Amino acid sequence: MQPLPSRFFVTGTDTGVGKTTVTVRLMQQLIAQGKTVIGMKPIASGCEWLDGRWQNEDVRLLTAASNVTAPAELINPYRFTPAIAPHIAAAQAGVEIQLEVIQAAYAQLTTLADVVIVEGAGGLLVPLNQTHSMADLIQALQLPALMVVGMRLGCINHALLTAEGLKSRQIACCGWVANRIDPQMSMPEENLQTLIDSLQQPPLLQVPFQESLA
C-alpha cells in the first residue's frame, strides 16, 4: 500500500459501503508501522443503549481501534439516536450541526496522535444543515479525501460521481479502496478493472467481504 498522508478524510460512494471497516483496517496498518493513530467520527446517526449510555457502533469501533485515548466529545461531537440523515436527526433533536465545533475538536485531536483519520457519514453530498454538506466539512478541515467504493451493482456510477464531486470542489483525492460488500456481485473483477481504468489509478487496498467488524 502506498503511503497515506497523516491526516485524511474517509468518504464513501454511498451509505453502507463500509467506511468504518476500511478506516479500522487502515488504522491497524498504520499502528503496525509504529504510529499513534486516532479515528474521528464527527457526526453519527443511529445509537443503542449500552453500558448506561447511548453509543454508536461506528464510534465504538473507531475508539477501540485507536491506540490513543481522547475524550468522547472530541472523537464524536455530534451523536443522534435515530439512524437517519444527519440534518434530519439534528433537526429532530433541536440541534444545528456547526462546522466550527467539528473543526475545534479535530484541531485538538491533531495534537494527540501522529495520524488522525476522520470518517464521514453517508456520502459526499449528505446535508449537515441548511447550507452545508459533508463536502463542505472536508473543505473546512482542509483534508484530502480517501474514497471507499462499495463493490456492488451500481458502484461504477457512484464512484465516478463521487470522484467528480471531489474534483469540482477542488478536494484532493489521496486514493480509493475497493470494499467487497456484496459476495454475490456479478463480474467483480471486470467492475474493478473498469474502476481502475476510469479513476486512472489502482485501489490502495482491496478489502474482502466480511460479515462484521465486531
Protein backbone atom coordinates (compact mmCIF):
# COMPACT_ATOMS: atom_id res chain seq x y z
CA MET A 1 0.00 0.00 0.00
CA GLN A 2 1.34 3.40 -0.95
CA PRO A 3 1.97 5.91 1.87
CA LEU A 4 -1.02 7.87 3.12
CA PRO A 5 -0.99 11.43 4.48
CA SER A 6 -1.01 11.82 8.26
CA ARG A 7 -4.44 13.46 8.13
CA PHE A 8 -7.22 12.46 5.75
CA PHE A 9 -11.00 12.12 5.46
CA VAL A 10 -12.71 8.84 4.60
CA THR A 11 -15.74 9.40 2.40
CA GLY A 12 -17.93 6.83 0.69
CA THR A 13 -19.76 6.41 -2.58
CA ASP A 14 -22.96 5.80 -0.59
CA THR A 15 -24.13 4.84 2.86
CA GLY A 16 -23.40 1.27 3.92
CA VAL A 17 -20.29 0.87 1.76
CA GLY A 18 -18.02 0.00 4.69
CA LYS A 19 -16.28 3.26 5.60
CA THR A 20 -15.75 2.09 9.16
CA THR A 21 -14.44 -1.31 8.04
CA VAL A 22 -11.88 0.42 5.82
CA THR A 23 -10.97 3.05 8.41
CA VAL A 24 -10.30 0.42 11.06
CA ARG A 25 -8.23 -1.63 8.61
CA LEU A 26 -6.12 1.42 7.75
CA MET A 27 -5.74 2.31 11.43
CA GLN A 28 -4.47 -1.18 12.19
CA GLN A 29 -1.91 -0.99 9.39
CA LEU A 30 -0.64 2.42 10.49
CA ILE A 31 -0.40 1.32 14.11
CA ALA A 32 1.60 -1.70 12.96
CA GLN A 33 4.06 0.79 11.44
CA GLY A 34 4.64 2.24 14.90
CA LYS A 35 2.43 5.33 14.59
CA THR A 36 0.00 6.74 17.12
CA VAL A 37 -3.40 6.79 15.43
CA ILE A 38 -6.82 8.06 16.36
CA GLY A 39 -10.12 7.82 14.49
CA MET A 40 -12.73 10.57 14.49
CA LYS A 41 -16.41 10.31 13.56
CA PRO A 42 -17.69 13.90 13.73
CA ILE A 43 -21.34 13.01 13.11
CA ALA A 44 -23.01 9.70 13.92
CA SER A 45 -26.66 8.74 13.50
CA GLY A 46 -28.06 5.56 14.98
CA CYS A 47 -27.27 4.66 18.58
CA GLU A 48 -28.16 1.92 21.02
CA TRP A 49 -28.25 1.91 24.81
CA LEU A 50 -25.11 0.16 26.10
CA ASP A 51 -23.40 0.32 29.48
CA GLY A 52 -25.68 3.04 30.71
CA ARG A 53 -25.31 5.44 27.76
CA TRP A 54 -26.20 5.90 24.10
CA GLN A 55 -23.44 4.56 21.88
CA ASN A 56 -22.87 4.47 18.14
CA GLU A 57 -21.34 1.27 16.75
CA ASP A 58 -19.03 3.03 14.29
CA VAL A 59 -17.70 5.33 17.02
CA ARG A 60 -17.19 2.37 19.32
CA LEU A 61 -15.18 0.51 16.68
CA LEU A 62 -13.03 3.55 15.85
CA THR A 63 -12.37 4.18 19.54
CA ALA A 64 -11.41 0.54 20.09
CA ALA A 65 -9.05 0.61 17.09
CA SER A 66 -7.26 3.80 18.20
CA ASN A 67 -4.07 3.48 20.24
CA VAL A 68 -4.55 6.97 21.68
CA THR A 69 -7.18 7.90 24.26
CA ALA A 70 -9.24 11.04 23.73
CA PRO A 71 -12.46 12.45 25.20
CA ALA A 72 -15.61 11.13 23.55
CA GLU A 73 -16.80 14.65 22.71
CA LEU A 74 -13.71 15.16 20.54
CA ILE A 75 -13.97 11.83 18.74
CA ASN A 76 -17.69 12.26 18.12
CA PRO A 77 -19.00 15.81 18.64
CA TYR A 78 -22.48 15.05 17.25
CA ARG A 79 -24.36 11.86 18.06
CA PHE A 80 -28.02 11.21 17.30
CA THR A 81 -30.28 8.32 18.27
CA PRO A 82 -32.26 7.58 15.06
CA ALA A 83 -30.42 6.05 12.11
CA ILE A 84 -31.48 8.75 9.63
CA ALA A 85 -29.81 11.51 7.63
CA PRO A 86 -27.72 13.76 9.93
CA HIS A 87 -29.52 17.02 9.17
CA ILE A 88 -32.91 15.42 9.83
CA ALA A 89 -31.70 13.78 13.05
CA ALA A 90 -30.22 17.09 14.19
CA ALA A 91 -33.44 18.96 13.44
CA GLN A 92 -35.43 16.40 15.44
CA ALA A 93 -33.04 16.89 18.35
CA GLY A 94 -33.26 20.68 18.10
CA VAL A 95 -29.57 20.93 17.24
CA GLU A 96 -27.75 22.60 14.34
CA ILE A 97 -24.56 20.88 13.24
CA GLN A 98 -21.83 23.54 13.22
CA LEU A 99 -18.62 23.09 11.27
CA GLU A 100 -16.75 25.23 13.79
CA VAL A 101 -17.47 22.74 16.57
CA ILE A 102 -16.06 19.90 14.49
CA GLN A 103 -13.04 21.98 13.44
CA ALA A 104 -12.21 22.73 17.08
CA ALA A 105 -12.50 19.05 18.09
CA TYR A 106 -10.37 17.96 15.14
CA ALA A 107 -7.68 20.53 15.96
CA GLN A 108 -7.39 19.11 19.47
CA LEU A 109 -7.13 15.54 18.17
CA THR A 110 -4.23 16.51 15.89
CA THR A 111 -2.18 17.36 19.00
CA LEU A 112 -2.66 13.84 20.41
CA ALA A 113 -1.61 11.50 17.58
CA ASP A 114 0.68 11.14 14.59
CA VAL A 115 -2.28 10.20 12.40
CA VAL A 116 -5.89 11.40 12.55
CA ILE A 117 -8.42 9.71 10.26
CA VAL A 118 -11.81 11.42 10.00
CA GLU A 119 -14.72 9.28 8.86
CA GLY A 120 -17.76 10.86 7.27
CA ALA A 121 -21.40 9.81 7.42
CA GLY A 122 -23.13 8.63 4.28
CA GLY A 123 -21.82 10.00 1.01
CA LEU A 124 -20.08 13.16 -0.12
CA LEU A 125 -23.14 15.39 -0.53
CA VAL A 126 -25.11 14.33 2.55
CA PRO A 127 -26.56 17.55 4.05
CA LEU A 128 -25.38 18.57 7.52
CA ASN A 129 -27.61 21.62 7.91
CA GLN A 130 -29.47 24.05 5.63
CA THR A 131 -26.28 25.34 4.00
CA HIS A 132 -23.51 22.76 4.41
CA SER A 133 -22.84 19.22 3.18
CA MET A 134 -20.22 16.61 4.03
CA ALA A 135 -18.08 18.06 1.21
CA ASP A 136 -18.11 21.44 2.95
CA LEU A 137 -16.86 19.76 6.12
CA ILE A 138 -13.95 18.17 4.24
CA GLN A 139 -13.06 21.59 2.85
CA ALA A 140 -13.37 23.24 6.27
CA LEU A 141 -10.96 20.69 7.75
CA GLN A 142 -8.63 21.18 4.74
CA LEU A 143 -8.18 17.44 4.31
CA PRO A 144 -7.62 15.19 1.32
CA ALA A 145 -10.28 12.52 0.83
CA LEU A 146 -9.95 8.76 0.61
CA MET A 147 -12.88 7.29 -1.33
CA VAL A 148 -14.39 3.98 -0.25
CA VAL A 149 -16.15 2.20 -3.09
CA GLY A 150 -18.66 -0.44 -2.06
CA MET A 151 -18.25 -3.14 -4.69
CA ARG A 152 -21.80 -3.93 -5.74
CA LEU A 153 -24.09 -3.30 -8.69
CA GLY A 154 -24.04 0.45 -9.43
CA CYS A 155 -20.63 1.07 -7.88
CA ILE A 156 -19.05 2.40 -11.07
CA ASN A 157 -21.59 5.21 -11.42
CA HIS A 158 -21.43 6.05 -7.71
CA ALA A 159 -17.64 6.08 -7.69
CA LEU A 160 -17.33 8.30 -10.75
CA LEU A 161 -19.96 10.73 -9.44
CA THR A 162 -18.11 10.96 -6.12
CA ALA A 163 -14.78 11.48 -7.88
CA GLU A 164 -16.35 14.24 -9.98
CA GLY A 165 -17.78 15.83 -6.84
CA LEU A 166 -14.36 15.89 -5.17
CA LYS A 167 -12.73 17.32 -8.27
CA SER A 168 -15.35 20.03 -8.76
CA ARG A 169 -14.80 21.21 -5.18
CA GLN A 170 -11.03 21.04 -5.55
CA ILE A 171 -10.76 18.42 -2.79
CA ALA A 172 -7.63 16.34 -3.28
CA CYS A 173 -8.22 12.58 -3.50
CA CYS A 174 -5.45 10.60 -1.82
CA GLY A 175 -6.71 7.30 -3.21
CA TRP A 176 -9.59 4.85 -3.17
CA VAL A 177 -10.41 1.50 -1.62
CA ALA A 178 -12.40 -1.35 -3.16
CA ASN A 179 -14.54 -2.85 -0.40
CA ARG A 180 -16.29 -6.08 -1.45
CA ILE A 181 -19.59 -5.64 0.36
CA ASP A 182 -21.61 -7.96 -1.90
CA PRO A 183 -20.23 -11.51 -2.08
CA GLN A 184 -22.74 -12.31 -4.84
CA MET A 185 -21.74 -9.42 -7.10
CA SER A 186 -21.65 -10.39 -10.78
CA MET A 187 -18.41 -9.80 -12.69
CA PRO A 188 -16.48 -8.27 -9.76
CA GLU A 189 -13.07 -8.32 -11.46
CA GLU A 190 -14.44 -6.69 -14.60
CA ASN A 191 -16.07 -3.96 -12.49
CA LEU A 192 -12.82 -3.47 -10.59
CA GLN A 193 -10.83 -3.09 -13.80
CA THR A 194 -13.35 -0.56 -15.13
CA LEU A 195 -12.91 1.49 -11.96
CA ILE A 196 -9.12 1.30 -12.26
CA ASP A 197 -9.29 2.48 -15.85
CA SER A 198 -11.84 5.22 -15.15
CA LEU A 199 -10.21 6.56 -11.99
CA GLN A 200 -6.78 6.14 -13.60
CA GLN A 201 -5.29 4.50 -10.53
CA PRO A 202 -5.48 1.12 -8.78
CA PRO A 203 -7.07 0.89 -5.34
CA LEU A 204 -4.83 1.48 -2.34
CA LEU A 205 -6.47 -1.52 -0.74
CA GLN A 206 -8.91 -4.27 -1.60
CA VAL A 207 -10.97 -5.42 1.38
CA PRO A 208 -12.54 -8.89 1.11
CA PHE A 209 -16.13 -9.48 2.12
CA GLN A 210 -16.69 -9.76 5.85
CA GLU A 211 -19.90 -10.07 7.80
CA SER A 212 -18.99 -7.68 10.60
CA LEU A 213 -16.02 -5.96 12.19
CA ALA A 214 -17.35 -6.93 15.60
